[in-house]
Amino acid sequence: MKKLIALVSLGIALVVSAPAFAGAQQNKMKGCNAEAKSQALKGAERKAFMKTCLKKDYVLKNAPAVDTAAAPAQKSKMKSCNEDAKTKALKGQERKDFMKSCLSA
């Protein structure tokens, strides 16, 4: 049962963190597209530029703003929801439903 709770918690943590990663990656893609467009790159040149641009260490010239304030707030919300679920001794589907509603509120 403890393994199930751990797996559910891990799954929720992954689902919660996935949008943050997707947002950062989408912002990087938008920035790379804008930069390629401003340089009027086409075909193989554009493909090579995009490959380089999307790497982790590449710094965009006109990087879009990334909201980093949401991550700590979401983390603290996750922690408080987990504590509430533990206090209420919720298990299984009840816990999953509670966590879903708590995190979306």
C-alpha atoms as a PDB file:
ATOM      1  CA  MET A   1       0.000   0.000   0.000  1.00  0.00           C
ATOM      2  CA  LYS A   2       2.898   2.342   0.775  1.00  0.00           C
ATOM      3  CA  LYS A   3       4.314   1.638  -2.664  1.00  0.00           C
ATOM      4  CA  LEU A   4       0.999   2.558  -4.254  1.00  0.00           C
ATOM      5  CA  ILE A   5       0.872   5.844  -2.360  1.00  0.00           C
ATOM      6  CA  ALA A   6       4.454   6.599  -3.329  1.00  0.00           C
ATOM      7  CA  LEU A   7       3.726   5.852  -6.988  1.00  0.00           C
ATOM      8  CA  VAL A   8       0.596   8.027  -6.971  1.00  0.00           C
ATOM      9  CA  SER A   9       2.520  10.876  -5.341  1.00  0.00           C
ATOM     10  CA  LEU A  10       5.323  10.525  -7.859  1.00  0.00           C
ATOM     11  CA  GLY A  11       2.840  10.454 -10.724  1.00  0.00           C
ATOM     12  CA  ILE A  12       1.134  13.594  -9.472  1.00  0.00           C
ATOM     13  CA  ALA A  13       4.494  15.318  -9.066  1.00  0.00           C
ATOM     14  CA  LEU A  14       5.422  14.435 -12.647  1.00  0.00           C
ATOM     15  CA  VAL A  15       2.093  15.611 -14.006  1.00  0.00           C
ATOM     16  CA  VAL A  16       2.379  18.868 -12.085  1.00  0.00           C
ATOM     17  CA  SER A  17       5.940  19.544 -13.254  1.00  0.00           C
ATOM     18  CA  ALA A  18       5.352  18.560 -16.894  1.00  0.00           C
ATOM     19  CA  PRO A  19       3.502  21.755 -17.853  1.00  0.00           C
ATOM     20  CA  ALA A  20       6.330  23.854 -16.451  1.00  0.00           C
ATOM     21  CA  PHE A  21       8.837  22.052 -18.615  1.00  0.00           C
ATOM     22  CA  ALA A  22       6.538  22.165 -21.624  1.00  0.00           C
ATOM     23  CA  GLY A  23       6.087  25.914 -21.175  1.00  0.00           C
ATOM     24  CA  ALA A  24       9.831  26.536 -21.052  1.00  0.00           C
ATOM     25  CA  GLN A  25      10.423  24.334 -24.100  1.00  0.00           C
ATOM     26  CA  GLN A  26       7.585  26.018 -25.994  1.00  0.00           C
ATOM     27  CA  ASN A  27       9.006  29.436 -25.158  1.00  0.00           C
ATOM     28  CA  LYS A  28      12.420  28.333 -26.397  1.00  0.00           C
ATOM     29  CA  MET A  29      10.855  27.004 -29.628  1.00  0.00           C
ATOM     30  CA  LYS A  30       8.997  30.284 -30.185  1.00  0.00           C
ATOM     31  CA  GLY A  31      12.179  32.264 -29.596  1.00  0.00           C
ATOM     32  CA  CYS A  32      14.188  30.065 -31.969  1.00  0.00           C
ATOM     33  CA  ASN A  33      11.483  30.366 -34.646  1.00  0.00           C
ATOM     34  CA  ALA A  34      11.425  34.149 -34.281  1.00  0.00           C
ATOM     35  CA  GLU A  35      15.211  34.343 -34.480  1.00  0.00           C
ATOM     36  CA  ALA A  36      15.325  32.091 -37.567  1.00  0.00           C
ATOM     37  CA  LYS A  37      12.642  34.240 -39.192  1.00  0.00           C
ATOM     38  CA  SER A  38      14.487  37.477 -38.404  1.00  0.00           C
ATOM     39  CA  GLN A  39      17.614  36.013 -40.025  1.00  0.00           C
ATOM     40  CA  ALA A  40      15.518  34.908 -43.051  1.00  0.00           C
ATOM     41  CA  LEU A  41      16.855  31.342 -42.825  1.00  0.00           C
ATOM     42  CA  LYS A  42      15.409  28.713 -45.141  1.00  0.00           C
ATOM     43  CA  GLY A  43      15.864  24.999 -45.828  1.00  0.00           C
ATOM     44  CA  ALA A  44      18.989  23.285 -44.534  1.00  0.00           C
ATOM     45  CA  GLU A  45      20.344  26.499 -42.968  1.00  0.00           C
ATOM     46  CA  ARG A  46      17.155  26.911 -40.921  1.00  0.00           C
ATOM     47  CA  LYS A  47      17.179  23.258 -39.883  1.00  0.00           C
ATOM     48  CA  ALA A  48      20.808  23.481 -38.723  1.00  0.00           C
ATOM     49  CA  PHE A  49      20.103  26.725 -36.860  1.00  0.00           C
ATOM     50  CA  MET A  50      17.042  25.263 -35.117  1.00  0.00           C
ATOM     51  CA  LYS A  51      19.017  22.195 -34.043  1.00  0.00           C
ATOM     52  CA  THR A  52      21.669  24.413 -32.471  1.00  0.00           C
ATOM     53  CA  CYS A  53      19.186  26.884 -31.023  1.00  0.00           C
ATOM     54  CA  LEU A  54      17.088  24.259 -29.236  1.00  0.00           C
ATOM     55  CA  LYS A  55      20.073  22.911 -27.306  1.00  0.00           C
ATOM     56  CA  LYS A  56      20.043  23.592 -23.588  1.00  0.00           C
ATOM     57  CA  ASP A  57      23.093  25.885 -23.482  1.00  0.00           C
ATOM     58  CA  TYR A  58      22.144  28.120 -26.443  1.00  0.00           C
ATOM     59  CA  VAL A  59      21.171  31.648 -25.385  1.00  0.00           C
ATOM     60  CA  LEU A  60      18.531  33.385 -27.468  1.00  0.00           C
ATOM     61  CA  LYS A  61      19.143  37.002 -28.497  1.00  0.00           C
ATOM     62  CA  ASN A  62      15.537  38.004 -27.773  1.00  0.00           C
ATOM     63  CA  ALA A  63      14.567  35.403 -25.178  1.00  0.00           C
ATOM     64  CA  PRO A  64      10.884  35.406 -24.185  1.00  0.00           C
ATOM     65  CA  ALA A  65      10.140  35.927 -20.510  1.00  0.00           C
ATOM     66  CA  VAL A  66       9.705  32.773 -18.435  1.00  0.00           C
ATOM     67  CA  ASP A  67       7.481  32.747 -15.352  1.00  0.00           C
ATOM     68  CA  THR A  68       9.656  31.170 -12.662  1.00  0.00           C
ATOM     69  CA  ALA A  69       7.515  32.445  -9.772  1.00  0.00           C
ATOM     70  CA  ALA A  70       4.851  29.790 -10.411  1.00  0.00           C
ATOM     71  CA  ALA A  71       7.160  26.831  -9.670  1.00  0.00           C
ATOM     72  CA  PRO A  72       7.760  27.535  -5.932  1.00  0.00           C
ATOM     73  CA  ALA A  73       4.086  28.363  -5.397  1.00  0.00           C
ATOM     74  CA  GLN A  74       3.008  25.088  -7.020  1.00  0.00           C
ATOM     75  CA  LYS A  75       5.569  23.172  -4.967  1.00  0.00           C
ATOM     76  CA  SER A  76       4.285  24.627  -1.704  1.00  0.00           C
ATOM     77  CA  LYS A  77       0.699  23.927  -2.765  1.00  0.00           C
ATOM     78  CA  MET A  78       1.621  20.301  -3.523  1.00  0.00           C
ATOM     79  CA  LYS A  79       3.245  20.000  -0.104  1.00  0.00           C
ATOM     80  CA  SER A  80       0.222  21.394   1.738  1.00  0.00           C
ATOM     81  CA  CYS A  81      -2.202  19.195  -0.240  1.00  0.00           C
ATOM     82  CA  ASN A  82      -0.095  16.121   0.567  1.00  0.00           C
ATOM     83  CA  GLU A  83      -0.111  17.038   4.263  1.00  0.00           C
ATOM     84  CA  ASP A  84      -3.891  17.522   4.221  1.00  0.00           C
ATOM     85  CA  ALA A  85      -4.421  14.165   2.510  1.00  0.00           C
ATOM     86  CA  LYS A  86      -2.148  12.487   5.042  1.00  0.00           C
ATOM     87  CA  THR A  87      -3.973  14.137   7.961  1.00  0.00           C
ATOM     88  CA  LYS A  88      -7.311  12.942   6.571  1.00  0.00           C
ATOM     89  CA  ALA A  89      -5.818   9.439   6.070  1.00  0.00           C
ATOM     90  CA  LEU A  90      -7.048   9.327   2.480  1.00  0.00           C
ATOM     91  CA  LYS A  91      -6.092   6.352   0.354  1.00  0.00           C
ATOM     92  CA  GLY A  92      -6.589   5.121  -3.175  1.00  0.00           C
ATOM     93  CA  GLN A  93      -9.131   6.832  -5.379  1.00  0.00           C
ATOM     94  CA  GLU A  94     -10.273   9.134  -2.540  1.00  0.00           C
ATOM     95  CA  ARG A  95      -6.731  10.487  -2.196  1.00  0.00           C
ATOM     96  CA  LYS A  96      -6.347  10.869  -5.944  1.00  0.00           C
ATOM     97  CA  ASP A  97      -9.634  12.791  -6.198  1.00  0.00           C
ATOM     98  CA  PHE A  98      -8.723  14.963  -3.214  1.00  0.00           C
ATOM     99  CA  MET A  99      -5.287  15.788  -4.634  1.00  0.00           C
ATOM    100  CA  LYS A 100      -6.775  16.668  -8.004  1.00  0.00           C
ATOM    101  CA  SER A 101      -9.317  19.044  -6.496  1.00  0.00           C
ATOM    102  CA  CYS A 102      -6.821  20.496  -4.004  1.00  0.00           C
ATOM    103  CA  LEU A 103      -4.186  21.234  -6.648  1.00  0.00           C
ATOM    104  CA  SER A 104      -6.685  22.763  -9.065  1.00  0.00           C
ATOM    105  CA  ALA A 105      -8.184  25.099  -6.446  1.00  0.00           C
END
